[in-house]
């Protein structure tokens, strides 16, 4: 079994988008492929999940306007990246 990759961002951390984020159908009130969040927009991580097939963290990020969007690490940036090591406080 392959261990889950540890997230580099923490819950509650401020992050910005590296890329424009478009509607993938998750927002039925918006046109498909409509721009939801422009590159450089700041948001806050509200939950961290895990993509089983790819074995990578997925971050739910809340952006201005109430958009909560699932993002991968390569779509985000922050001044501070942290990796939590099990057993250390």
Protein backbone atom coordinates (compact mmCIF):
# COMPACT_ATOMS: atom_id res chain seq x y z
CA UNK A 1 0.00 0.00 0.00
CA UNK A 2 1.27 3.48 -0.88
CA UNK A 3 1.10 6.07 1.91
CA UNK A 4 -1.00 9.16 1.33
CA UNK A 5 1.03 12.21 0.37
CA UNK A 6 0.96 14.79 3.15
CA UNK A 7 -0.68 18.12 2.28
CA UNK A 8 1.63 21.13 2.06
CA UNK A 9 -1.12 23.57 3.08
CA UNK A 10 -3.13 23.65 6.32
CA UNK A 11 -6.81 24.10 7.08
CA UNK A 12 -7.53 27.83 7.59
CA UNK A 13 -4.47 28.90 5.61
CA UNK A 14 -4.71 31.79 3.14
CA UNK A 15 -3.79 30.81 -0.42
CA UNK A 16 -4.01 32.38 -3.87
CA UNK A 17 -4.82 30.75 -7.18
CA UNK A 18 -2.04 30.21 -9.71
CA UNK A 19 -4.53 29.77 -12.56
CA UNK A 20 -8.03 30.85 -13.56
CA UNK A 21 -10.64 28.42 -12.23
CA UNK A 22 -13.59 27.64 -14.48
CA UNK A 23 -16.94 25.97 -13.82
CA UNK A 24 -16.64 22.22 -14.40
CA UNK A 25 -20.37 21.78 -13.89
CA UNK A 26 -20.20 22.04 -10.09
CA UNK A 27 -22.08 25.35 -10.20
CA UNK A 28 -25.35 24.75 -12.09
CA UNK A 29 -26.32 28.45 -11.77
CA UNK A 30 -23.35 29.37 -13.98
CA UNK A 31 -22.61 28.49 -17.57
CA UNK A 32 -20.26 25.54 -18.13
CA UNK A 33 -16.67 26.77 -18.43
CA UNK A 34 -17.61 30.17 -16.92
CA UNK A 35 -14.80 31.86 -14.97
CA UNK A 36 -15.39 31.34 -11.23
CA UNK A 37 -12.11 32.58 -9.76
CA UNK A 38 -9.44 34.63 -11.53
CA UNK A 39 -5.75 33.79 -11.14
CA UNK A 40 -4.27 35.60 -8.15
CA UNK A 41 -7.50 35.62 -6.12
CA UNK A 42 -6.99 34.98 -2.41
CA UNK A 43 -9.05 32.40 -0.53
CA UNK A 44 -8.97 30.29 2.60
CA UNK A 45 -8.66 26.52 2.86
CA UNK A 46 -11.80 25.23 4.59
CA UNK A 47 -11.23 21.49 4.23
CA UNK A 48 -8.57 19.06 3.04
CA UNK A 49 -9.48 15.81 1.33
CA UNK A 50 -7.67 13.18 -0.69
CA UNK A 51 -7.97 12.10 -4.32
CA UNK A 52 -7.83 8.30 -4.07
CA UNK A 53 -6.77 7.46 -7.64
CA UNK A 54 -4.04 10.08 -7.90
CA UNK A 55 -3.00 9.73 -4.22
CA UNK A 56 -2.80 13.53 -3.76
CA UNK A 57 -4.41 16.07 -1.42
CA UNK A 58 -7.42 18.07 -2.61
CA UNK A 59 -8.16 21.40 -0.96
CA UNK A 60 -11.60 22.98 -0.64
CA UNK A 61 -10.93 26.69 -0.84
CA UNK A 62 -13.48 29.41 -0.07
CA UNK A 63 -13.10 32.44 -2.32
CA UNK A 64 -14.85 35.85 -2.27
CA UNK A 65 -18.39 35.61 -3.57
CA UNK A 66 -19.00 32.41 -1.62
CA UNK A 67 -17.37 30.07 -4.11
CA UNK A 68 -15.99 26.93 -2.48
CA UNK A 69 -13.85 25.16 -5.05
CA UNK A 70 -11.79 21.97 -4.97
CA UNK A 71 -8.17 22.71 -5.92
CA UNK A 72 -4.96 20.75 -6.33
CA UNK A 73 -1.62 21.96 -4.92
CA UNK A 74 -0.31 23.04 -8.34
CA UNK A 75 -3.33 25.39 -8.67
CA UNK A 76 -2.49 27.21 -5.42
CA UNK A 77 0.30 29.23 -3.89
CA UNK A 78 1.02 30.65 -0.46
CA UNK A 79 3.83 32.49 1.24
CA UNK A 80 4.00 29.64 3.72
CA UNK A 81 3.95 25.95 2.82
CA UNK A 82 3.90 23.54 5.70
CA UNK A 83 4.18 19.80 5.94
CA UNK A 84 2.95 18.23 9.14
CA UNK A 85 5.06 15.28 10.24
CA UNK A 86 3.18 12.58 12.12
CA UNK A 87 4.07 12.36 15.79
CA UNK A 88 5.61 15.83 15.99
CA UNK A 89 3.82 18.81 17.50
